[in-house]
Amino acid sequence: MPTYDYKCNECNYTFEEFQKMTDNPLEECPKCGGKVKRLIGAGVAPIFKGSGFYQTDYKNSVADKSNGSKPKEEKPKKETTAKTDKKAV
């Protein structure tokens, strides 16, 4: 069941009402009894893609899903030697 936004034409009171889609729109403001107008909503809804409910689930490549992905190559570590300059006393 969707939530509808309403605004009173007389007192500018804005409120939400949880209604069935088949219900008639409200006509009376619960605060002052004036006429109300149903507002147009943004229609925002979650996007479900892939195998789960997380946004990152559908960003995986096909290779990752088939376990055929190549392992990451490790870069060889550079060996560093600590050079100390010792002066003869």
PDB file of N, CA and C in Angstrom:
ATOM      1  N   MET A   1       0.842  -1.175   0.000  1.00  0.00           N
ATOM      2  CA  MET A   1       0.000   0.000   0.000  1.00  0.00           C
ATOM      3  C   MET A   1       0.891   1.242   0.000  1.00  0.00           C
ATOM      4  N   PRO A   2       0.623   2.169  -0.904  1.00  0.00           N
ATOM      5  CA  PRO A   2       1.451   3.367  -0.994  1.00  0.00           C
ATOM      6  C   PRO A   2       1.075   4.431   0.039  1.00  0.00           C
ATOM      7  N   THR A   3       2.002   5.336   0.240  1.00  0.00           N
ATOM      8  CA  THR A   3       1.788   6.486   1.101  1.00  0.00           C
ATOM      9  C   THR A   3       1.586   7.695   0.204  1.00  0.00           C
ATOM     10  N   TYR A   4       0.516   8.424   0.410  1.00  0.00           N
ATOM     11  CA  TYR A   4       0.207   9.594  -0.394  1.00  0.00           C
ATOM     12  C   TYR A   4       0.440  10.860   0.424  1.00  0.00           C
ATOM     13  N   ASP A   5       0.945  11.893  -0.236  1.00  0.00           N
ATOM     14  CA  ASP A   5       1.145  13.195   0.391  1.00  0.00           C
ATOM     15  C   ASP A   5      -0.028  14.092   0.043  1.00  0.00           C
ATOM     16  N   TYR A   6      -0.493  14.835   1.043  1.00  0.00           N
ATOM     17  CA  TYR A   6      -1.596  15.774   0.861  1.00  0.00           C
ATOM     18  C   TYR A   6      -1.186  17.134   1.413  1.00  0.00           C
ATOM     19  N   LYS A   7      -1.787  18.172   0.848  1.00  0.00           N
ATOM     20  CA  LYS A   7      -1.554  19.532   1.334  1.00  0.00           C
ATOM     21  C   LYS A   7      -2.898  20.252   1.389  1.00  0.00           C
ATOM     22  N   CYS A   8      -3.131  20.922   2.505  1.00  0.00           N
ATOM     23  CA  CYS A   8      -4.372  21.661   2.695  1.00  0.00           C
ATOM     24  C   CYS A   8      -4.295  22.976   1.917  1.00  0.00           C
ATOM     25  N   ASN A   9      -5.376  23.308   1.215  1.00  0.00           N
ATOM     26  CA  ASN A   9      -5.436  24.554   0.446  1.00  0.00           C
ATOM     27  C   ASN A   9      -5.630  25.774   1.339  1.00  0.00           C
ATOM     28  N   GLU A  10      -6.126  25.568   2.549  1.00  0.00           N
ATOM     29  CA  GLU A  10      -6.438  26.700   3.439  1.00  0.00           C
ATOM     30  C   GLU A  10      -5.346  26.988   4.454  1.00  0.00           C
ATOM     31  N   CYS A  11      -4.865  25.962   5.164  1.00  0.00           N
ATOM     32  CA  CYS A  11      -3.864  26.197   6.216  1.00  0.00           C
ATOM     33  C   CYS A  11      -2.455  25.751   5.810  1.00  0.00           C
ATOM     34  N   ASN A  12      -2.291  25.240   4.586  1.00  0.00           N
ATOM     35  CA  ASN A  12      -0.998  24.761   4.049  1.00  0.00           C
ATOM     36  C   ASN A  12      -0.386  23.623   4.862  1.00  0.00           C
ATOM     37  N   TYR A  13      -1.209  22.924   5.622  1.00  0.00           N
ATOM     38  CA  TYR A  13      -0.733  21.757   6.387  1.00  0.00           C
ATOM     39  C   TYR A  13      -0.433  20.617   5.419  1.00  0.00           C
ATOM     40  N   THR A  14       0.760  20.044   5.522  1.00  0.00           N
ATOM     41  CA  THR A  14       1.169  18.924   4.667  1.00  0.00           C
ATOM     42  C   THR A  14       1.250  17.665   5.519  1.00  0.00           C
ATOM     43  N   PHE A  15       0.670  16.587   5.024  1.00  0.00           N
ATOM     44  CA  PHE A  15       0.676  15.328   5.772  1.00  0.00           C
ATOM     45  C   PHE A  15       0.693  14.154   4.805  1.00  0.00           C
ATOM     46  N   GLU A  16       0.993  12.987   5.354  1.00  0.00           N
ATOM     47  CA  GLU A  16       1.026  11.744   4.582  1.00  0.00           C
ATOM     48  C   GLU A  16      -0.105  10.844   5.046  1.00  0.00           C
ATOM     49  N   GLU A  17      -0.625  10.071   4.107  1.00  0.00           N
ATOM     50  CA  GLU A  17      -1.693   9.126   4.436  1.00  0.00           C
ATOM     51  C   GLU A  17      -1.388   7.795   3.761  1.00  0.00           C
ATOM     52  N   PHE A  18      -1.418   6.729   4.547  1.00  0.00           N
ATOM     53  CA  PHE A  18      -1.176   5.375   4.071  1.00  0.00           C
ATOM     54  C   PHE A  18      -2.521   4.823   3.601  1.00  0.00           C
ATOM     55  N   GLN A  19      -2.680   4.647   2.259  1.00  0.00           N
ATOM     56  CA  GLN A  19      -3.965   4.227   1.699  1.00  0.00           C
ATOM     57  C   GLN A  19      -3.777   3.131   0.661  1.00  0.00           C
ATOM     58  N   LYS A  20      -4.864   2.420   0.395  1.00  0.00           N
ATOM     59  CA  LYS A  20      -4.871   1.473  -0.708  1.00  0.00           C
ATOM     60  C   LYS A  20      -4.924   2.253  -2.014  1.00  0.00           C
ATOM     61  N   MET A  21      -4.470   1.641  -3.091  1.00  0.00           N
ATOM     62  CA  MET A  21      -4.521   2.302  -4.390  1.00  0.00           C
ATOM     63  C   MET A  21      -5.962   2.491  -4.859  1.00  0.00           C
ATOM     64  N   THR A  22      -6.846   1.654  -4.386  1.00  0.00           N
ATOM     65  CA  THR A  22      -8.251   1.725  -4.804  1.00  0.00           C
ATOM     66  C   THR A  22      -9.067   2.710  -3.973  1.00  0.00           C
ATOM     67  N   ASP A  23      -8.498   3.228  -2.861  1.00  0.00           N
ATOM     68  CA  ASP A  23      -9.212   4.186  -2.017  1.00  0.00           C
ATOM     69  C   ASP A  23      -9.348   5.526  -2.737  1.00  0.00           C
ATOM     70  N   ASN A  24     -10.449   6.197  -2.461  1.00  0.00           N
ATOM     71  CA  ASN A  24     -10.640   7.549  -2.999  1.00  0.00           C
ATOM     72  C   ASN A  24      -9.692   8.521  -2.289  1.00  0.00           C
ATOM     73  N   PRO A  25      -9.228   9.558  -2.992  1.00  0.00           N
ATOM     74  CA  PRO A  25      -8.355  10.552  -2.343  1.00  0.00           C
ATOM     75  C   PRO A  25      -9.094  11.268  -1.205  1.00  0.00           C
ATOM     76  N   LEU A  26      -8.338  11.664  -0.197  1.00  0.00           N
ATOM     77  CA  LEU A  26      -8.934  12.405   0.912  1.00  0.00           C
ATOM     78  C   LEU A  26      -9.387  13.773   0.422  1.00  0.00           C
ATOM     79  N   GLU A  27     -10.408  14.314   1.082  1.00  0.00           N
ATOM     80  CA  GLU A  27     -10.948  15.614   0.679  1.00  0.00           C
ATOM     81  C   GLU A  27     -10.896  16.642   1.795  1.00  0.00           C
ATOM     82  N   GLU A  28     -10.660  16.182   3.043  1.00  0.00           N
ATOM     83  CA  GLU A  28     -10.739  17.089   4.187  1.00  0.00           C
ATOM     84  C   GLU A  28      -9.443  17.062   4.996  1.00  0.00           C
ATOM     85  N   CYS A  29      -8.995  18.245   5.397  1.00  0.00           N
ATOM     86  CA  CYS A  29      -7.777  18.390   6.209  1.00  0.00           C
ATOM     87  C   CYS A  29      -8.058  17.919   7.639  1.00  0.00           C
ATOM     88  N   PRO A  30      -7.194  17.073   8.206  1.00  0.00           N
ATOM     89  CA  PRO A  30      -7.424  16.614   9.573  1.00  0.00           C
ATOM     90  C   PRO A  30      -7.180  17.718  10.613  1.00  0.00           C
ATOM     91  N   LYS A  31      -6.510  18.775  10.222  1.00  0.00           N
ATOM     92  CA  LYS A  31      -6.180  19.849  11.159  1.00  0.00           C
ATOM     93  C   LYS A  31      -7.262  20.930  11.206  1.00  0.00           C
ATOM     94  N   CYS A  32      -7.677  21.428  10.013  1.00  0.00           N
ATOM     95  CA  CYS A  32      -8.634  22.545   9.999  1.00  0.00           C
ATOM     96  C   CYS A  32      -9.958  22.202   9.324  1.00  0.00           C
ATOM     97  N   GLY A  33     -10.035  21.070   8.632  1.00  0.00           N
ATOM     98  CA  GLY A  33     -11.272  20.680   7.964  1.00  0.00           C
ATOM     99  C   GLY A  33     -11.417  21.260   6.567  1.00  0.00           C
ATOM    100  N   GLY A  34     -10.385  21.946   6.078  1.00  0.00           N
ATOM    101  CA  GLY A  34     -10.440  22.536   4.747  1.00  0.00           C
ATOM    102  C   GLY A  34     -10.209  21.497   3.658  1.00  0.00           C
ATOM    103  N   LYS A  35     -10.303  21.947   2.401  1.00  0.00           N
ATOM    104  CA  LYS A  35     -10.097  21.055   1.262  1.00  0.00           C
ATOM    105  C   LYS A  35      -8.610  20.762   1.108  1.00  0.00           C
ATOM    106  N   VAL A  36      -8.292  19.500   0.765  1.00  0.00           N
ATOM    107  CA  VAL A  36      -6.900  19.096   0.556  1.00  0.00           C
ATOM    108  C   VAL A  36      -6.679  18.695  -0.894  1.00  0.00           C
ATOM    109  N   LYS A  37      -5.434  18.734  -1.288  1.00  0.00           N
ATOM    110  CA  LYS A  37      -5.026  18.355  -2.636  1.00  0.00           C
ATOM    111  C   LYS A  37      -3.939  17.290  -2.511  1.00  0.00           C
ATOM    112  N   ARG A  38      -4.082  16.207  -3.274  1.00  0.00           N
ATOM    113  CA  ARG A  38      -3.067  15.152  -3.244  1.00  0.00           C
ATOM    114  C   ARG A  38      -1.890  15.595  -4.106  1.00  0.00           C
ATOM    115  N   LEU A  39      -0.682  15.488  -3.552  1.00  0.00           N
ATOM    116  CA  LEU A  39       0.528  15.912  -4.238  1.00  0.00           C
ATOM    117  C   LEU A  39       1.091  14.776  -5.075  1.00  0.00           C
ATOM    118  N   ILE A  40       1.807  15.125  -6.098  1.00  0.00           N
ATOM    119  CA  ILE A  40       2.447  14.128  -6.952  1.00  0.00           C
ATOM    120  C   ILE A  40       3.749  13.704  -6.294  1.00  0.00           C
ATOM    121  N   GLY A  41       3.928  12.401  -6.121  1.00  0.00           N
ATOM    122  CA  GLY A  41       5.131  11.879  -5.487  1.00  0.00           C
ATOM    123  C   GLY A  41       6.253  11.663  -6.486  1.00  0.00           C
ATOM    124  N   ALA A  42       7.437  11.426  -5.964  1.00  0.00           N
ATOM    125  CA  ALA A  42       8.616  11.223  -6.806  1.00  0.00           C
ATOM    126  C   ALA A  42       8.658   9.822  -7.400  1.00  0.00           C
ATOM    127  N   GLY A  43       7.970   8.884  -6.800  1.00  0.00           N
ATOM    128  CA  GLY A  43       7.970   7.516  -7.313  1.00  0.00           C
ATOM    129  C   GLY A  43       9.291   6.798  -7.111  1.00  0.00           C
ATOM    130  N   VAL A  44       9.979   7.100  -6.043  1.00  0.00           N
ATOM    131  CA  VAL A  44      11.275   6.494  -5.774  1.00  0.00           C
ATOM    132  C   VAL A  44      11.066   5.085  -5.238  1.00  0.00           C
ATOM    133  N   ALA A  45      11.768   4.153  -5.837  1.00  0.00           N
ATOM    134  CA  ALA A  45      11.683   2.762  -5.395  1.00  0.00           C
ATOM    135  C   ALA A  45      13.068   2.133  -5.499  1.00  0.00           C
ATOM    136  N   PRO A  46      13.355   1.129  -4.685  1.00  0.00           N
ATOM    137  CA  PRO A  46      14.664   0.476  -4.790  1.00  0.00           C
ATOM    138  C   PRO A  46      14.788  -0.295  -6.099  1.00  0.00           C
ATOM    139  N   ILE A  47      16.003  -0.443  -6.553  1.00  0.00           N
ATOM    140  CA  ILE A  47      16.277  -1.189  -7.777  1.00  0.00           C
ATOM    141  C   ILE A  47      16.876  -2.530  -7.370  1.00  0.00           C
ATOM    142  N   PHE A  48      16.203  -3.607  -7.714  1.00  0.00           N
ATOM    143  CA  PHE A  48      16.697  -4.937  -7.390  1.00  0.00           C
ATOM    144  C   PHE A  48      17.242  -5.575  -8.660  1.00  0.00           C
ATOM    145  N   LYS A  49      18.551  -5.740  -8.710  1.00  0.00           N
ATOM    146  CA  LYS A  49      19.195  -6.396  -9.842  1.00  0.00           C
ATOM    147  C   LYS A  49      20.139  -7.447  -9.279  1.00  0.00           C
ATOM    148  N   GLY A  50      20.356  -8.471 -10.012  1.00  0.00           N
ATOM    149  CA  GLY A  50      21.317  -9.482  -9.578  1.00  0.00           C
ATOM    150  C   GLY A  50      20.709 -10.471  -8.612  1.00  0.00           C
ATOM    151  N   SER A  51      21.572 -11.107  -7.852  1.00  0.00           N
ATOM    152  CA  SER A  51      21.134 -12.198  -6.989  1.00  0.00           C
ATOM    153  C   SER A  51      20.757 -11.753  -5.591  1.00  0.00           C
ATOM    154  N   GLY A  52      21.046 -10.509  -5.220  1.00  0.00           N
ATOM    155  CA  GLY A  52      20.766 -10.087  -3.856  1.00  0.00           C
ATOM    156  C   GLY A  52      20.124  -8.721  -3.803  1.00  0.00           C
ATOM    157  N   PHE A  53      20.121  -8.138  -2.626  1.00  0.00           N
ATOM    158  CA  PHE A  53      19.441  -6.874  -2.423  1.00  0.00           C
ATOM    159  C   PHE A  53      20.400  -5.716  -2.240  1.00  0.00           C
ATOM    160  N   TYR A  54      21.692  -5.936  -2.422  1.00  0.00           N
ATOM    161  CA  TYR A  54      22.648  -4.871  -2.248  1.00  0.00           C
ATOM    162  C   TYR A  54      22.983  -4.238  -3.587  1.00  0.00           C
ATOM    163  N   GLN A  55      23.273  -2.979  -3.589  1.00  0.00           N
ATOM    164  CA  GLN A  55      23.528  -2.247  -4.823  1.00  0.00           C
ATOM    165  C   GLN A  55      24.742  -2.796  -5.554  1.00  0.00           C
ATOM    166  N   THR A  56      25.705  -3.311  -4.828  1.00  0.00           N
ATOM    167  CA  THR A  56      26.929  -3.804  -5.451  1.00  0.00           C
ATOM    168  C   THR A  56      26.790  -5.210  -6.017  1.00  0.00           C
ATOM    169  N   ASP A  57      25.680  -5.903  -5.772  1.00  0.00           N
ATOM    170  CA  ASP A  57      25.537  -7.284  -6.227  1.00  0.00           C
ATOM    171  C   ASP A  57      25.541  -7.415  -7.742  1.00  0.00           C
ATOM    172  N   TYR A  58      25.030  -6.448  -8.462  1.00  0.00           N
ATOM    173  CA  TYR A  58      24.947  -6.579  -9.907  1.00  0.00           C
ATOM    174  C   TYR A  58      26.155  -5.977 -10.615  1.00  0.00           C
ATOM    175  N   LYS A  59      27.108  -5.391  -9.884  1.00  0.00           N
ATOM    176  CA  LYS A  59      28.277  -4.781 -10.499  1.00  0.00           C
ATOM    177  C   LYS A  59      29.403  -5.785 -10.737  1.00  0.00           C
ATOM    178  N   ASN A  60      29.284  -6.987 -10.197  1.00  0.00           N
ATOM    179  CA  ASN A  60      30.314  -8.002 -10.399  1.00  0.00           C
ATOM    180  C   ASN A  60      30.301  -8.468 -11.844  1.00  0.00           C
ATOM    181  N   SER A  61      31.464  -8.761 -12.375  1.00  0.00           N
ATOM    182  CA  SER A  61      31.522  -9.225 -13.756  1.00  0.00           C
ATOM    183  C   SER A  61      31.140 -10.698 -13.843  1.00  0.00           C
ATOM    184  N   VAL A  62      30.939 -11.172 -15.047  1.00  0.00           N
ATOM    185  CA  VAL A  62      30.562 -12.568 -15.269  1.00  0.00           C
ATOM    186  C   VAL A  62      31.678 -13.490 -14.811  1.00  0.00           C
ATOM    187  N   ALA A  63      32.926 -13.075 -14.996  1.00  0.00           N
ATOM    188  CA  ALA A  63      34.065 -13.906 -14.598  1.00  0.00           C
ATOM    189  C   ALA A  63      34.086 -14.123 -13.090  1.00  0.00           C
ATOM    190  N   ASP A  64      33.700 -13.121 -12.321  1.00  0.00           N
ATOM    191  CA  ASP A  64      33.683 -13.266 -10.872  1.00  0.00           C
ATOM    192  C   ASP A  64      32.620 -14.277 -10.433  1.00  0.00           C
ATOM    193  N   LYS A  65      31.501 -14.300 -11.125  1.00  0.00           N
ATOM    194  CA  LYS A  65      30.414 -15.203 -10.744  1.00  0.00           C
ATOM    195  C   LYS A  65      30.732 -16.655 -11.070  1.00  0.00           C
ATOM    196  N   SER A  66      31.572 -16.884 -12.089  1.00  0.00           N
ATOM    197  CA  SER A  66      31.878 -18.252 -12.478  1.00  0.00           C
ATOM    198  C   SER A  66      33.154 -18.760 -11.823  1.00  0.00           C
ATOM    199  N   ASN A  67      33.721 -18.003 -10.927  1.00  0.00           N
ATOM    200  CA  ASN A  67      34.966 -18.355 -10.235  1.00  0.00           C
ATOM    201  C   ASN A  67      36.114 -18.594 -11.204  1.00  0.00           C
ATOM    202  N   GLY A  68      36.035 -17.986 -12.376  1.00  0.00           N
ATOM    203  CA  GLY A  68      37.099 -18.136 -13.348  1.00  0.00           C
ATOM    204  C   GLY A  68      37.972 -16.898 -13.429  1.00  0.00           C
ATOM    205  N   SER A  69      37.895 -16.068 -12.429  1.00  0.00           N
ATOM    206  CA  SER A  69      38.660 -14.832 -12.477  1.00  0.00           C
ATOM    207  C   SER A  69      40.127 -15.113 -12.181  1.00  0.00           C
ATOM    208  N   LYS A  70      40.959 -14.309 -12.768  1.00  0.00           N
ATOM    209  CA  LYS A  70      42.399 -14.469 -12.580  1.00  0.00           C
ATOM    210  C   LYS A  70      42.802 -13.876 -11.243  1.00  0.00           C
ATOM    211  N   PRO A  71      43.744 -14.531 -10.552  1.00  0.00           N
ATOM    212  CA  PRO A  71      44.216 -13.945  -9.294  1.00  0.00           C
ATOM    213  C   PRO A  71      45.034 -12.703  -9.592  1.00  0.00           C
ATOM    214  N   LYS A  72      45.028 -11.792  -8.668  1.00  0.00           N
ATOM    215  CA  LYS A  72      45.791 -10.567  -8.832  1.00  0.00           C
ATOM    216  C   LYS A  72      47.282 -10.878  -8.767  1.00  0.00           C
ATOM    217  N   GLU A  73      48.020 -10.248  -9.666  1.00  0.00           N
ATOM    218  CA  GLU A  73      49.459 -10.438  -9.675  1.00  0.00           C
ATOM    219  C   GLU A  73      50.082  -9.571  -8.595  1.00  0.00           C
ATOM    220  N   GLU A  74      50.997 -10.169  -7.864  1.00  0.00           N
ATOM    221  CA  GLU A  74      51.678  -9.411  -6.833  1.00  0.00           C
ATOM    222  C   GLU A  74      52.908  -8.764  -7.426  1.00  0.00           C
ATOM    223  N   LYS A  75      53.106  -7.522  -7.076  1.00  0.00           N
ATOM    224  CA  LYS A  75      54.288  -6.819  -7.544  1.00  0.00           C
ATOM    225  C   LYS A  75      55.468  -7.248  -6.684  1.00  0.00           C
ATOM    226  N   PRO A  76      56.647  -7.461  -7.320  1.00  0.00           N
ATOM    227  CA  PRO A  76      57.796  -7.840  -6.516  1.00  0.00           C
ATOM    228  C   PRO A  76      58.194  -6.691  -5.594  1.00  0.00           C
ATOM    229  N   LYS A  77      58.547  -7.072  -4.388  1.00  0.00           N
ATOM    230  CA  LYS A  77      58.920  -6.059  -3.414  1.00  0.00           C
ATOM    231  C   LYS A  77      60.361  -5.649  -3.661  1.00  0.00           C
ATOM    232  N   LYS A  78      60.581  -4.378  -3.556  1.00  0.00           N
ATOM    233  CA  LYS A  78      61.939  -3.870  -3.704  1.00  0.00           C
ATOM    234  C   LYS A  78      62.671  -4.049  -2.387  1.00  0.00           C
ATOM    235  N   GLU A  79      63.872  -4.589  -2.491  1.00  0.00           N
ATOM    236  CA  GLU A  79      64.653  -4.759  -1.280  1.00  0.00           C
ATOM    237  C   GLU A  79      65.376  -3.460  -0.993  1.00  0.00           C
ATOM    238  N   THR A  80      65.221  -3.016   0.193  1.00  0.00           N
ATOM    239  CA  THR A  80      65.891  -1.778   0.575  1.00  0.00           C
ATOM    240  C   THR A  80      66.919  -2.103   1.637  1.00  0.00           C
ATOM    241  N   THR A  81      68.048  -1.513   1.466  1.00  0.00           N
ATOM    242  CA  THR A  81      69.102  -1.700   2.473  1.00  0.00           C
ATOM    243  C   THR A  81      69.328  -0.370   3.147  1.00  0.00           C
ATOM    244  N   ALA A  82      69.463  -0.438   4.395  1.00  0.00           N
ATOM    245  CA  ALA A  82      69.692   0.779   5.157  1.00  0.00           C
ATOM    246  C   ALA A  82      71.182   1.089   5.120  1.00  0.00           C
ATOM    247  N   LYS A  83      71.519   2.199   4.533  1.00  0.00           N
ATOM    248  CA  LYS A  83      72.909   2.622   4.466  1.00  0.00           C
ATOM    249  C   LYS A  83      73.148   3.639   5.555  1.00  0.00           C
ATOM    250  N   THR A  84      74.153   3.403   6.284  1.00  0.00           N
ATOM    251  CA  THR A  84      74.503   4.366   7.333  1.00  0.00           C
ATOM    252  C   THR A  84      75.896   4.873   7.064  1.00  0.00           C
ATOM    253  N   ASP A  85      76.022   6.133   7.124  1.00  0.00           N
ATOM    254  CA  ASP A  85      77.349   6.739   6.952  1.00  0.00           C
ATOM    255  C   ASP A  85      77.950   6.922   8.330  1.00  0.00           C
ATOM    256  N   LYS A  86      79.042   6.200   8.530  1.00  0.00           N
ATOM    257  CA  LYS A  86      79.734   6.340   9.796  1.00  0.00           C
ATOM    258  C   LYS A  86      81.059   7.051   9.530  1.00  0.00           C
ATOM    259  N   LYS A  87      81.241   8.085  10.224  1.00  0.00           N
ATOM    260  CA  LYS A  87      82.499   8.817  10.072  1.00  0.00           C
ATOM    261  C   LYS A  87      83.533   8.267  11.031  1.00  0.00           C
ATOM    262  N   ALA A  88      84.712   8.180  10.520  1.00  0.00           N
ATOM    263  CA  ALA A  88      85.806   7.703  11.374  1.00  0.00           C
ATOM    264  C   ALA A  88      86.188   8.798  12.356  1.00  0.00           C
ATOM    265  N   VAL A  89      86.366   8.419  13.609  1.00  0.00           N
ATOM    266  CA  VAL A  89      86.698   9.401  14.641  1.00  0.00           C
ATOM    267  C   VAL A  89      88.155   9.370  14.960  1.00  0.00           C
TER     268      VAL A  89
END
